[in-house]
C-alpha atoms as a PDB file:
ATOM      1  CA  MET A   1       0.000   0.000   0.000  1.00  0.00           C
ATOM      2  CA  ARG A   2       1.320   3.454  -0.885  1.00  0.00           C
ATOM      3  CA  LYS A   3       1.429   6.386   1.479  1.00  0.00           C
ATOM      4  CA  VAL A   4      -0.785   9.371   0.707  1.00  0.00           C
ATOM      5  CA  THR A   5       1.000  12.658   0.167  1.00  0.00           C
ATOM      6  CA  GLY A   6      -0.267  15.696   2.020  1.00  0.00           C
ATOM      7  CA  ASN A   7      -1.695  13.888   5.048  1.00  0.00           C
ATOM      8  CA  ALA A   8       1.491  13.958   7.106  1.00  0.00           C
ATOM      9  CA  PRO A   9       0.757  16.970   9.349  1.00  0.00           C
ATOM     10  CA  VAL A  10      -2.705  15.669  10.235  1.00  0.00           C
ATOM     11  CA  SER A  11      -1.596  12.060  10.679  1.00  0.00           C
ATOM     12  CA  ASP A  12       1.397  13.175  12.757  1.00  0.00           C
ATOM     13  CA  ASN A  13      -0.843  15.287  14.981  1.00  0.00           C
ATOM     14  CA  ILE A  14      -3.293  12.438  15.474  1.00  0.00           C
ATOM     15  CA  ALA A  15      -0.430  10.146  16.515  1.00  0.00           C
ATOM     16  CA  ARG A  16       1.009  12.847  18.810  1.00  0.00           C
ATOM     17  CA  ILE A  17      -2.338  13.446  20.530  1.00  0.00           C
ATOM     18  CA  LEU A  18      -2.934   9.700  20.927  1.00  0.00           C
ATOM     19  CA  ASN A  19       0.464   9.424  22.586  1.00  0.00           C
ATOM     20  CA  GLU A  20       0.077  12.527  24.782  1.00  0.00           C
ATOM     21  CA  LYS A  21      -3.321  11.398  26.044  1.00  0.00           C
ATOM     22  CA  GLY A  22      -2.339   7.744  26.345  1.00  0.00           C
ATOM     23  CA  LEU A  23      -5.203   6.668  24.096  1.00  0.00           C
ATOM     24  CA  LYS A  24      -5.409   3.451  22.121  1.00  0.00           C
ATOM     25  CA  GLN A  25      -6.073   3.646  18.394  1.00  0.00           C
ATOM     26  CA  ALA A  26      -8.808   1.015  18.644  1.00  0.00           C
ATOM     27  CA  ALA A  27     -10.739   3.000  21.250  1.00  0.00           C
ATOM     28  CA  VAL A  28     -10.532   6.243  19.274  1.00  0.00           C
ATOM     29  CA  ALA A  29     -11.441   4.429  16.055  1.00  0.00           C
ATOM     30  CA  LYS A  30     -14.580   3.043  17.677  1.00  0.00           C
ATOM     31  CA  LYS A  31     -15.522   6.416  19.164  1.00  0.00           C
ATOM     32  CA  ALA A  32     -15.045   8.106  15.765  1.00  0.00           C
ATOM     33  CA  GLY A  33     -17.010   5.387  13.960  1.00  0.00           C
ATOM     34  CA  TYR A  34     -14.118   3.811  12.043  1.00  0.00           C
ATOM     35  CA  SER A  35     -12.914   0.248  11.913  1.00  0.00           C
ATOM     36  CA  ARG A  36      -9.524  -0.303  13.541  1.00  0.00           C
ATOM     37  CA  GLN A  37      -7.947  -0.903  10.123  1.00  0.00           C
ATOM     38  CA  VAL A  38      -9.349   2.271   8.540  1.00  0.00           C
ATOM     39  CA  PHE A  39      -8.229   4.380  11.497  1.00  0.00           C
ATOM     40  CA  CYS A  40      -4.782   2.760  11.427  1.00  0.00           C
ATOM     41  CA  ASN A  41      -4.554   3.635   7.721  1.00  0.00           C
ATOM     42  CA  ILE A  42      -5.438   7.258   8.531  1.00  0.00           C
ATOM     43  CA  VAL A  43      -2.800   7.489  11.270  1.00  0.00           C
ATOM     44  CA  ASN A  44      -0.159   5.888   9.047  1.00  0.00           C
ATOM     45  CA  ASP A  45      -0.877   7.995   5.910  1.00  0.00           C
ATOM     46  CA  TYR A  46      -2.413   5.181   3.863  1.00  0.00           C
ATOM     47  CA  ARG A  47      -5.835   6.815   3.464  1.00  0.00           C
ATOM     48  CA  ASN A  48      -6.882  10.257   2.270  1.00  0.00           C
ATOM     49  CA  ILE A  49      -8.159  12.398   5.115  1.00  0.00           C
ATOM     50  CA  LEU A  50     -11.335  14.253   4.222  1.00  0.00           C
ATOM     51  CA  PRO A  51     -12.794  17.301   6.012  1.00  0.00           C
ATOM     52  CA  GLN A  52     -15.444  15.148   7.672  1.00  0.00           C
ATOM     53  CA  ASP A  53     -12.667  12.856   8.949  1.00  0.00           C
ATOM     54  CA  ILE A  54     -11.020  15.836  10.677  1.00  0.00           C
ATOM     55  CA  MET A  55     -14.263  16.627  12.491  1.00  0.00           C
ATOM     56  CA  ARG A  56     -14.951  13.017  13.540  1.00  0.00           C
ATOM     57  CA  ILE A  57     -11.413  12.380  14.740  1.00  0.00           C
ATOM     58  CA  ALA A  58     -11.113  15.702  16.577  1.00  0.00           C
ATOM     59  CA  SER A  59     -14.370  14.953  18.382  1.00  0.00           C
ATOM     60  CA  ALA A  60     -13.196  11.446  19.318  1.00  0.00           C
ATOM     61  CA  LEU A  61      -9.874  12.844  20.569  1.00  0.00           C
ATOM     62  CA  GLU A  62     -11.699  15.656  22.414  1.00  0.00           C
ATOM     63  CA  VAL A  63      -9.632  18.382  20.733  1.00  0.00           C
ATOM     64  CA  GLU A  64     -10.437  21.257  18.423  1.00  0.00           C
ATOM     65  CA  PRO A  65     -10.053  20.458  14.702  1.00  0.00           C
ATOM     66  CA  ILE A  66      -7.294  23.078  14.413  1.00  0.00           C
ATOM     67  CA  GLU A  67      -5.137  20.853  16.652  1.00  0.00           C
ATOM     68  CA  LEU A  68      -5.096  18.251  13.882  1.00  0.00           C
ATOM     69  CA  LEU A  69      -4.328  20.794  11.164  1.00  0.00           C
ATOM     70  CA  ASN A  70      -1.559  22.690  12.972  1.00  0.00           C
ATOM     71  CA  LYS A  71       1.663  22.113  11.004  1.00  0.00           C
ATOM     72  CA  GLU A  72       3.841  23.618  13.757  1.00  0.00           C
ATOM     73  CA  LYS A  73       2.873  20.858  16.179  1.00  0.00           C
ATOM     74  CA  SER A  74       3.379  17.956  13.794  1.00  0.00           C
ATOM     75  CA  LYS A  75       6.675  16.096  14.014  1.00  0.00           C
ATOM     76  CA  GLY A  76       7.357  16.788  10.364  1.00  0.00           C
ATOM     77  CA  ALA A  77       7.493  20.584  10.848  1.00  0.00           C
END
């Protein structure tokens, strides 16, 4: 499977927030309404992230959507 270009800041921020909050991907996936595999693909840049994904994931992580979009906080910045 090929990585998706352009997702890195969002995917990196999701991974960072998961780590900071000590959350499991499976639990957040379920809360956001994704299968574990789909959510794993989002976190690992193997799936395009759509605007509605940002809203669902931010809600599941209990953060503002801007936290996922912030390039300065992603590890790639």
